[in-house]
């Protein structure tokens, strides 16, 4: 009874800005749906749109896999190791969150371009050139999306009870076995939530992609790039592309919400 009474107290000073914040987030999306030319939708969904959507889904998924392979160990290093200056390294890891994506694309070009610090050796020794390729799209998306995964997994690791790991170590389990069989399962919801956020960020990446990978239909033209190009010549097509991206993103988040990323009701 007391809990219901506490929940029922809604001060107007908090409700009003909360409603305004909700409207600020939802009204633009509603406006997008209202302005969608539903009657001409089949004609606007051309083969190029399907190719751009396929490329976006594939690249975002590959970028998420790369982020999982690199981001989970990085999150463990920041959360559990005795690394000196962890606060400093944690700040550097989160830089892509606030860095303009175009700047990230320029930085990738300077490092991984054919004449970059690392790219020149990749090109000379292995014949690998990442800029303006599909692989470049994956690299650009992984660069901007990985901090979302690292932050989520690190938070889950910090909140996990270390006593289970200590018990496993007492029973003779190695650190790697403890990580695989105890630590990772205990933080799995955080890993999945971080992966979902990472995938959604990669799916919507534009600035770093167009700077580092360019815009080549069928190879580097993802959905955000297709929306940008269509907006200049065919606004209706740009709206349709935006709605497709919106529906895909909402569908993924809604499908995983109840099991992995929902809060208490």
C-alpha atoms as a PDB file:
ATOM      1  CA  UNK A   1       0.000   0.000   0.000  1.00  0.00           C
ATOM      2  CA  UNK A   2       2.780   2.401   0.909  1.00  0.00           C
ATOM      3  CA  UNK A   3       4.619   1.578  -2.313  1.00  0.00           C
ATOM      4  CA  UNK A   4       1.551   2.433  -4.394  1.00  0.00           C
ATOM      5  CA  UNK A   5       1.104   5.704  -2.559  1.00  0.00           C
ATOM      6  CA  UNK A   6       4.735   6.691  -3.156  1.00  0.00           C
ATOM      7  CA  UNK A   7       4.440   5.838  -6.842  1.00  0.00           C
ATOM      8  CA  UNK A   8       1.250   7.847  -7.085  1.00  0.00           C
ATOM      9  CA  UNK A   9       2.859  11.107  -6.051  1.00  0.00           C
ATOM     10  CA  UNK A  10       3.723  12.835  -9.323  1.00  0.00           C
ATOM     11  CA  UNK A  11       4.916  16.417  -8.769  1.00  0.00           C
ATOM     12  CA  UNK A  12       3.926  18.708 -11.600  1.00  0.00           C
ATOM     13  CA  UNK A  13       7.393  20.238 -11.671  1.00  0.00           C
ATOM     14  CA  UNK A  14       8.715  16.870 -12.869  1.00  0.00           C
ATOM     15  CA  UNK A  15       5.762  15.675 -14.948  1.00  0.00           C
ATOM     16  CA  UNK A  16       5.657  18.714 -17.230  1.00  0.00           C
ATOM     17  CA  UNK A  17       9.293  18.618 -18.405  1.00  0.00           C
ATOM     18  CA  UNK A  18       9.054  14.824 -18.637  1.00  0.00           C
ATOM     19  CA  UNK A  19       6.093  15.117 -21.020  1.00  0.00           C
ATOM     20  CA  UNK A  20       7.890  17.799 -23.008  1.00  0.00           C
ATOM     21  CA  UNK A  21      10.970  15.580 -23.249  1.00  0.00           C
ATOM     22  CA  UNK A  22       8.860  12.660 -24.440  1.00  0.00           C
ATOM     23  CA  UNK A  23       7.183  14.864 -27.039  1.00  0.00           C
ATOM     24  CA  UNK A  24      10.546  16.203 -28.165  1.00  0.00           C
ATOM     25  CA  UNK A  25      11.678  12.646 -28.909  1.00  0.00           C
ATOM     26  CA  UNK A  26       8.473  11.220 -30.365  1.00  0.00           C
ATOM     27  CA  UNK A  27       6.895  14.077 -32.352  1.00  0.00           C
ATOM     28  CA  UNK A  28       9.638  14.170 -35.044  1.00  0.00           C
ATOM     29  CA  UNK A  29       9.264  10.404 -35.527  1.00  0.00           C
ATOM     30  CA  UNK A  30       5.493  10.776 -35.753  1.00  0.00           C
ATOM     31  CA  UNK A  31       5.951  13.573 -38.277  1.00  0.00           C
ATOM     32  CA  UNK A  32       8.126  11.275 -40.380  1.00  0.00           C
ATOM     33  CA  UNK A  33       5.395   8.636 -40.411  1.00  0.00           C
ATOM     34  CA  UNK A  34       2.699  11.205 -41.221  1.00  0.00           C
ATOM     35  CA  UNK A  35       4.653  12.568 -44.187  1.00  0.00           C
ATOM     36  CA  UNK A  36       5.449   9.133 -45.594  1.00  0.00           C
ATOM     37  CA  UNK A  37       3.908   8.632 -49.065  1.00  0.00           C
ATOM     38  CA  UNK A  38       2.362   5.279 -48.248  1.00  0.00           C
ATOM     39  CA  UNK A  39       0.463   5.000 -51.537  1.00  0.00           C
ATOM     40  CA  UNK A  40       3.628   5.236 -53.637  1.00  0.00           C
ATOM     41  CA  UNK A  41       5.700   3.146 -51.257  1.00  0.00           C
ATOM     42  CA  UNK A  42       6.086   0.089 -53.569  1.00  0.00           C
ATOM     43  CA  UNK A  43       7.453   2.180 -56.435  1.00  0.00           C
ATOM     44  CA  UNK A  44       9.907   4.048 -54.211  1.00  0.00           C
ATOM     45  CA  UNK A  45      11.309   0.832 -52.734  1.00  0.00           C
ATOM     46  CA  UNK A  46      13.574   0.108 -55.681  1.00  0.00           C
ATOM     47  CA  UNK A  47      16.297  -2.496 -56.052  1.00  0.00           C
ATOM     48  CA  UNK A  48      18.865   0.123 -55.028  1.00  0.00           C
ATOM     49  CA  UNK A  49      17.052   0.571 -51.728  1.00  0.00           C
ATOM     50  CA  UNK A  50      17.145  -3.162 -51.082  1.00  0.00           C
ATOM     51  CA  UNK A  51      20.853  -3.272 -51.878  1.00  0.00           C
ATOM     52  CA  UNK A  52      21.578  -0.340 -49.565  1.00  0.00           C
ATOM     53  CA  UNK A  53      19.548  -1.973 -46.768  1.00  0.00           C
ATOM     54  CA  UNK A  54      21.307  -5.305 -47.257  1.00  0.00           C
ATOM     55  CA  UNK A  55      24.710  -3.619 -47.182  1.00  0.00           C
ATOM     56  CA  UNK A  56      23.768  -1.683 -44.048  1.00  0.00           C
ATOM     57  CA  UNK A  57      22.588  -4.789 -42.198  1.00  0.00           C
ATOM     58  CA  UNK A  58      25.640  -6.834 -43.200  1.00  0.00           C
ATOM     59  CA  UNK A  59      28.153  -4.100 -42.362  1.00  0.00           C
ATOM     60  CA  UNK A  60      26.484  -3.233 -39.048  1.00  0.00           C
ATOM     61  CA  UNK A  61      26.453  -6.910 -38.049  1.00  0.00           C
ATOM     62  CA  UNK A  62      30.113  -7.408 -39.002  1.00  0.00           C
ATOM     63  CA  UNK A  63      31.065  -4.228 -37.151  1.00  0.00           C
ATOM     64  CA  UNK A  64      29.227  -5.498 -34.061  1.00  0.00           C
ATOM     65  CA  UNK A  65      31.094  -8.811 -34.226  1.00  0.00           C
ATOM     66  CA  UNK A  66      34.391  -6.921 -34.399  1.00  0.00           C
ATOM     67  CA  UNK A  67      33.334  -4.771 -31.444  1.00  0.00           C
ATOM     68  CA  UNK A  68      32.422  -7.866 -29.420  1.00  0.00           C
ATOM     69  CA  UNK A  69      35.778  -9.501 -30.150  1.00  0.00           C
ATOM     70  CA  UNK A  70      37.733  -6.407 -29.129  1.00  0.00           C
ATOM     71  CA  UNK A  71      35.366  -4.572 -26.798  1.00  0.00           C
ATOM     72  CA  UNK A  72      34.665  -7.325 -24.254  1.00  0.00           C
ATOM     73  CA  UNK A  73      38.379  -7.840 -23.431  1.00  0.00           C
ATOM     74  CA  UNK A  74      38.838  -4.068 -23.338  1.00  0.00           C
ATOM     75  CA  UNK A  75      35.916  -3.670 -20.935  1.00  0.00           C
ATOM     76  CA  UNK A  76      37.347  -6.429 -18.725  1.00  0.00           C
ATOM     77  CA  UNK A  77      40.734  -4.681 -18.738  1.00  0.00           C
ATOM     78  CA  UNK A  78      39.147  -1.404 -17.638  1.00  0.00           C
ATOM     79  CA  UNK A  79      36.907  -2.977 -15.007  1.00  0.00           C
ATOM     80  CA  UNK A  80      38.969  -5.752 -13.417  1.00  0.00           C
ATOM     81  CA  UNK A  81      42.671  -5.265 -14.099  1.00  0.00           C
ATOM     82  CA  UNK A  82      45.161  -3.184 -12.173  1.00  0.00           C
ATOM     83  CA  UNK A  83      45.997  -1.128 -15.244  1.00  0.00           C
ATOM     84  CA  UNK A  84      47.635   2.161 -14.182  1.00  0.00           C
ATOM     85  CA  UNK A  85      45.677   5.247 -15.131  1.00  0.00           C
ATOM     86  CA  UNK A  86      42.458   3.377 -15.865  1.00  0.00           C
ATOM     87  CA  UNK A  87      40.466   6.606 -15.654  1.00  0.00           C
ATOM     88  CA  UNK A  88      42.593   8.131 -18.375  1.00  0.00           C
ATOM     89  CA  UNK A  89      42.274   5.114 -20.657  1.00  0.00           C
ATOM     90  CA  UNK A  90      38.529   4.964 -19.993  1.00  0.00           C
ATOM     91  CA  UNK A  91      38.229   8.601 -21.077  1.00  0.00           C
ATOM     92  CA  UNK A  92      40.137   7.872 -24.289  1.00  0.00           C
ATOM     93  CA  UNK A  93      37.877   4.905 -25.055  1.00  0.00           C
ATOM     94  CA  UNK A  94      34.807   7.137 -24.835  1.00  0.00           C
ATOM     95  CA  UNK A  95      36.249   9.859 -27.098  1.00  0.00           C
ATOM     96  CA  UNK A  96      34.430   8.543 -30.225  1.00  0.00           C
ATOM     97  CA  UNK A  97      31.146   9.190 -28.393  1.00  0.00           C
ATOM     98  CA  UNK A  98      31.744  12.956 -28.462  1.00  0.00           C
ATOM     99  CA  UNK A  99      34.044  13.176 -31.472  1.00  0.00           C
ATOM    100  CA  UNK A 100      32.318  14.420 -34.660  1.00  0.00           C
ATOM    101  CA  UNK A 101      32.044  11.352 -36.923  1.00  0.00           C
ATOM    102  CA  UNK A 102      33.630  13.210 -39.825  1.00  0.00           C
ATOM    103  CA  UNK A 103      36.706  13.815 -37.672  1.00  0.00           C
ATOM    104  CA  UNK A 104      36.781  10.098 -36.908  1.00  0.00           C
ATOM    105  CA  UNK A 105      36.715   9.384 -40.634  1.00  0.00           C
ATOM    106  CA  UNK A 106      39.615  11.768 -41.237  1.00  0.00           C
ATOM    107  CA  UNK A 107      41.576  10.116 -38.413  1.00  0.00           C
ATOM    108  CA  UNK A 108      40.955   6.683 -39.946  1.00  0.00           C
ATOM    109  CA  UNK A 109      42.162   7.950 -43.321  1.00  0.00           C
ATOM    110  CA  UNK A 110      45.365   9.313 -41.805  1.00  0.00           C
ATOM    111  CA  UNK A 111      46.078   5.983 -40.099  1.00  0.00           C
ATOM    112  CA  UNK A 112      44.611   3.353 -42.437  1.00  0.00           C
ATOM    113  CA  UNK A 113      44.722   5.156 -45.777  1.00  0.00           C
ATOM    114  CA  UNK A 114      47.136   4.035 -48.493  1.00  0.00           C
ATOM    115  CA  UNK A 115      49.632   6.626 -47.275  1.00  0.00           C
ATOM    116  CA  UNK A 116      48.591   6.424 -43.623  1.00  0.00           C
ATOM    117  CA  UNK A 117      50.712   5.477 -40.656  1.00  0.00           C
ATOM    118  CA  UNK A 118      49.560   1.857 -40.776  1.00  0.00           C
ATOM    119  CA  UNK A 119      47.778   1.699 -44.112  1.00  0.00           C
ATOM    120  CA  UNK A 120      50.926   2.209 -46.151  1.00  0.00           C
ATOM    121  CA  UNK A 121      52.363  -1.007 -44.737  1.00  0.00           C
ATOM    122  CA  UNK A 122      49.113  -2.912 -45.183  1.00  0.00           C
ATOM    123  CA  UNK A 123      49.121  -1.864 -48.829  1.00  0.00           C
ATOM    124  CA  UNK A 124      52.827  -2.507 -49.463  1.00  0.00           C
ATOM    125  CA  UNK A 125      53.167  -5.800 -47.575  1.00  0.00           C
ATOM    126  CA  UNK A 126      49.749  -7.439 -47.961  1.00  0.00           C
ATOM    127  CA  UNK A 127      48.045  -5.487 -50.752  1.00  0.00           C
ATOM    128  CA  UNK A 128      45.239  -4.498 -48.385  1.00  0.00           C
ATOM    129  CA  UNK A 129      43.538  -1.141 -48.930  1.00  0.00           C
ATOM    130  CA  UNK A 130      40.647  -0.337 -46.610  1.00  0.00           C
ATOM    131  CA  UNK A 131      39.449   3.139 -47.704  1.00  0.00           C
ATOM    132  CA  UNK A 132      36.540   3.240 -50.164  1.00  0.00           C
ATOM    133  CA  UNK A 133      35.727  -0.447 -49.739  1.00  0.00           C
ATOM    134  CA  UNK A 134      33.047  -2.428 -47.933  1.00  0.00           C
ATOM    135  CA  UNK A 135      35.652  -3.413 -45.346  1.00  0.00           C
ATOM    136  CA  UNK A 136      36.242   0.296 -44.817  1.00  0.00           C
ATOM    137  CA  UNK A 137      32.562   0.711 -43.994  1.00  0.00           C
ATOM    138  CA  UNK A 138      32.849  -1.987 -41.334  1.00  0.00           C
ATOM    139  CA  UNK A 139      35.966  -0.357 -39.853  1.00  0.00           C
ATOM    140  CA  UNK A 140      34.336   3.088 -39.736  1.00  0.00           C
ATOM    141  CA  UNK A 141      31.187   1.750 -38.106  1.00  0.00           C
ATOM    142  CA  UNK A 142      33.147  -0.274 -35.558  1.00  0.00           C
ATOM    143  CA  UNK A 143      35.222   2.785 -34.633  1.00  0.00           C
ATOM    144  CA  UNK A 144      32.207   4.912 -33.712  1.00  0.00           C
ATOM    145  CA  UNK A 145      30.122   2.091 -32.184  1.00  0.00           C
ATOM    146  CA  UNK A 146      32.589   0.246 -29.959  1.00  0.00           C
ATOM    147  CA  UNK A 147      32.400   2.693 -27.006  1.00  0.00           C
ATOM    148  CA  UNK A 148      28.709   1.829 -26.543  1.00  0.00           C
ATOM    149  CA  UNK A 149      29.617  -1.826 -26.067  1.00  0.00           C
ATOM    150  CA  UNK A 150      32.609  -1.141 -23.837  1.00  0.00           C
ATOM    151  CA  UNK A 151      30.653   1.149 -21.508  1.00  0.00           C
ATOM    152  CA  UNK A 152      27.773  -1.323 -21.185  1.00  0.00           C
ATOM    153  CA  UNK A 153      29.985  -4.353 -20.540  1.00  0.00           C
ATOM    154  CA  UNK A 154      32.263  -2.486 -18.148  1.00  0.00           C
ATOM    155  CA  UNK A 155      29.249  -1.349 -16.119  1.00  0.00           C
ATOM    156  CA  UNK A 156      27.967  -4.922 -15.964  1.00  0.00           C
ATOM    157  CA  UNK A 157      31.389  -6.182 -14.860  1.00  0.00           C
ATOM    158  CA  UNK A 158      31.603  -3.589 -12.097  1.00  0.00           C
ATOM    159  CA  UNK A 159      28.130  -4.543 -10.850  1.00  0.00           C
ATOM    160  CA  UNK A 160      28.766  -8.301 -10.932  1.00  0.00           C
ATOM    161  CA  UNK A 161      29.425 -10.088  -7.644  1.00  0.00           C
ATOM    162  CA  UNK A 162      33.130 -11.092  -7.619  1.00  0.00           C
ATOM    163  CA  UNK A 163      32.569 -13.812  -5.024  1.00  0.00           C
ATOM    164  CA  UNK A 164      31.578 -16.317  -7.701  1.00  0.00           C
ATOM    165  CA  UNK A 165      34.853 -15.736  -9.509  1.00  0.00           C
ATOM    166  CA  UNK A 166      36.743 -16.072  -6.234  1.00  0.00           C
ATOM    167  CA  UNK A 167      34.970 -19.355  -5.552  1.00  0.00           C
ATOM    168  CA  UNK A 168      35.893 -20.649  -9.014  1.00  0.00           C
ATOM    169  CA  UNK A 169      39.531 -19.669  -8.448  1.00  0.00           C
ATOM    170  CA  UNK A 170      39.472 -21.449  -5.073  1.00  0.00           C
ATOM    171  CA  UNK A 171      38.293 -24.614  -6.827  1.00  0.00           C
ATOM    172  CA  UNK A 172      41.306 -24.453  -9.132  1.00  0.00           C
ATOM    173  CA  UNK A 173      39.798 -22.892 -12.255  1.00  0.00           C
ATOM    174  CA  UNK A 174      42.169 -20.879 -14.407  1.00  0.00           C
ATOM    175  CA  UNK A 175      41.468 -17.195 -15.050  1.00  0.00           C
ATOM    176  CA  UNK A 176      40.463 -17.935 -18.645  1.00  0.00           C
ATOM    177  CA  UNK A 177      38.120 -20.743 -17.580  1.00  0.00           C
ATOM    178  CA  UNK A 178      36.658 -18.520 -14.864  1.00  0.00           C
ATOM    179  CA  UNK A 179      36.068 -15.771 -17.392  1.00  0.00           C
ATOM    180  CA  UNK A 180      34.344 -18.097 -19.872  1.00  0.00           C
ATOM    181  CA  UNK A 181      32.242 -20.111 -17.424  1.00  0.00           C
ATOM    182  CA  UNK A 182      31.526 -17.619 -14.635  1.00  0.00           C
ATOM    183  CA  UNK A 183      32.243 -13.999 -15.520  1.00  0.00           C
ATOM    184  CA  UNK A 184      30.868 -13.876 -19.050  1.00  0.00           C
ATOM    185  CA  UNK A 185      27.548 -15.639 -18.276  1.00  0.00           C
ATOM    186  CA  UNK A 186      26.985 -13.341 -15.299  1.00  0.00           C
ATOM    187  CA  UNK A 187      27.321 -10.190 -17.433  1.00  0.00           C
ATOM    188  CA  UNK A 188      25.618 -11.600 -20.542  1.00  0.00           C
ATOM    189  CA  UNK A 189      22.606  -9.241 -20.345  1.00  0.00           C
ATOM    190  CA  UNK A 190      24.998  -6.290 -20.318  1.00  0.00           C
ATOM    191  CA  UNK A 191      26.893  -7.746 -23.257  1.00  0.00           C
ATOM    192  CA  UNK A 192      23.709  -8.226 -25.284  1.00  0.00           C
ATOM    193  CA  UNK A 193      22.394  -4.764 -24.417  1.00  0.00           C
ATOM    194  CA  UNK A 194      25.722  -3.245 -25.406  1.00  0.00           C
ATOM    195  CA  UNK A 195      25.756  -5.248 -28.633  1.00  0.00           C
ATOM    196  CA  UNK A 196      22.267  -4.010 -29.518  1.00  0.00           C
ATOM    197  CA  UNK A 197      23.260  -0.389 -28.923  1.00  0.00           C
ATOM    198  CA  UNK A 198      26.474  -0.968 -30.850  1.00  0.00           C
ATOM    199  CA  UNK A 199      24.600  -2.494 -33.787  1.00  0.00           C
ATOM    200  CA  UNK A 200      22.037   0.323 -33.860  1.00  0.00           C
ATOM    201  CA  UNK A 201      24.800   2.950 -33.795  1.00  0.00           C
ATOM    202  CA  UNK A 202      26.663   1.195 -36.587  1.00  0.00           C
ATOM    203  CA  UNK A 203      23.490   0.937 -38.660  1.00  0.00           C
ATOM    204  CA  UNK A 204      22.968   4.698 -38.499  1.00  0.00           C
ATOM    205  CA  UNK A 205      26.582   5.754 -39.010  1.00  0.00           C
ATOM    206  CA  UNK A 206      27.075   8.388 -41.712  1.00  0.00           C
ATOM    207  CA  UNK A 207      29.938  10.851 -41.173  1.00  0.00           C
ATOM    208  CA  UNK A 208      32.861   8.485 -40.653  1.00  0.00           C
ATOM    209  CA  UNK A 209      31.545   6.155 -43.357  1.00  0.00           C
ATOM    210  CA  UNK A 210      31.296   8.719 -46.127  1.00  0.00           C
ATOM    211  CA  UNK A 211      34.672  10.199 -45.180  1.00  0.00           C
ATOM    212  CA  UNK A 212      36.605   6.950 -44.918  1.00  0.00           C
ATOM    213  CA  UNK A 213      34.691   4.609 -47.243  1.00  0.00           C
ATOM    214  CA  UNK A 214      33.140   7.030 -49.721  1.00  0.00           C
ATOM    215  CA  UNK A 215      29.914   6.515 -51.609  1.00  0.00           C
ATOM    216  CA  UNK A 216      29.960   3.721 -54.180  1.00  0.00           C
ATOM    217  CA  UNK A 217      26.564   2.098 -54.906  1.00  0.00           C
ATOM    218  CA  UNK A 218      26.498  -1.564 -54.032  1.00  0.00           C
ATOM    219  CA  UNK A 219      29.829  -1.357 -52.206  1.00  0.00           C
ATOM    220  CA  UNK A 220      29.823   1.464 -49.651  1.00  0.00           C
ATOM    221  CA  UNK A 221      26.424   3.174 -50.053  1.00  0.00           C
ATOM    222  CA  UNK A 222      24.657   2.269 -46.831  1.00  0.00           C
ATOM    223  CA  UNK A 223      21.141   3.390 -45.927  1.00  0.00           C
ATOM    224  CA  UNK A 224      22.173   6.660 -44.195  1.00  0.00           C
ATOM    225  CA  UNK A 225      24.187   7.631 -47.290  1.00  0.00           C
ATOM    226  CA  UNK A 226      21.258   6.688 -49.521  1.00  0.00           C
ATOM    227  CA  UNK A 227      18.970   8.909 -47.422  1.00  0.00           C
ATOM    228  CA  UNK A 228      21.382  11.831 -47.768  1.00  0.00           C
ATOM    229  CA  UNK A 229      21.633  11.444 -51.552  1.00  0.00           C
ATOM    230  CA  UNK A 230      17.890  10.989 -52.010  1.00  0.00           C
ATOM    231  CA  UNK A 231      17.120  14.078 -49.940  1.00  0.00           C
ATOM    232  CA  UNK A 232      18.786  16.262 -52.567  1.00  0.00           C
ATOM    233  CA  UNK A 233      16.914  14.844 -55.551  1.00  0.00           C
ATOM    234  CA  UNK A 234      13.819  12.956 -54.323  1.00  0.00           C
ATOM    235  CA  UNK A 235      12.513  13.946 -50.865  1.00  0.00           C
ATOM    236  CA  UNK A 236       9.787  11.275 -50.939  1.00  0.00           C
ATOM    237  CA  UNK A 237      12.387   8.566 -51.472  1.00  0.00           C
ATOM    238  CA  UNK A 238      14.441  10.000 -48.604  1.00  0.00           C
ATOM    239  CA  UNK A 239      11.391   9.797 -46.329  1.00  0.00           C
ATOM    240  CA  UNK A 240      10.756   6.180 -47.327  1.00  0.00           C
ATOM    241  CA  UNK A 241      14.383   5.249 -46.697  1.00  0.00           C
ATOM    242  CA  UNK A 242      14.230   6.948 -43.294  1.00  0.00           C
ATOM    243  CA  UNK A 243      11.072   5.047 -42.392  1.00  0.00           C
ATOM    244  CA  UNK A 244      12.690   1.750 -43.400  1.00  0.00           C
ATOM    245  CA  UNK A 245      15.669   2.500 -41.143  1.00  0.00           C
ATOM    246  CA  UNK A 246      13.318   3.525 -38.334  1.00  0.00           C
ATOM    247  CA  UNK A 247      11.259   0.349 -38.593  1.00  0.00           C
ATOM    248  CA  UNK A 248      14.325  -1.898 -38.669  1.00  0.00           C
ATOM    249  CA  UNK A 249      15.857  -0.207 -35.620  1.00  0.00           C
ATOM    250  CA  UNK A 250      12.628  -0.201 -33.623  1.00  0.00           C
ATOM    251  CA  UNK A 251      11.946  -3.812 -34.572  1.00  0.00           C
ATOM    252  CA  UNK A 252      15.320  -4.968 -33.264  1.00  0.00           C
ATOM    253  CA  UNK A 253      15.042  -2.985 -30.039  1.00  0.00           C
ATOM    254  CA  UNK A 254      11.470  -4.098 -29.433  1.00  0.00           C
ATOM    255  CA  UNK A 255      12.347  -7.732 -30.086  1.00  0.00           C
ATOM    256  CA  UNK A 256      15.113  -7.706 -27.477  1.00  0.00           C
ATOM    257  CA  UNK A 257      13.587  -5.334 -24.950  1.00  0.00           C
ATOM    258  CA  UNK A 258      11.576  -7.729 -22.823  1.00  0.00           C
ATOM    259  CA  UNK A 259      14.379 -10.247 -22.325  1.00  0.00           C
ATOM    260  CA  UNK A 260      17.523  -8.153 -22.226  1.00  0.00           C
ATOM    261  CA  UNK A 261      17.189  -4.387 -21.913  1.00  0.00           C
ATOM    262  CA  UNK A 262      13.916  -3.671 -20.222  1.00  0.00           C
ATOM    263  CA  UNK A 263      13.828  -2.048 -16.803  1.00  0.00           C
ATOM    264  CA  UNK A 264      11.488  -2.828 -13.943  1.00  0.00           C
ATOM    265  CA  UNK A 265       7.860  -2.069 -14.690  1.00  0.00           C
END
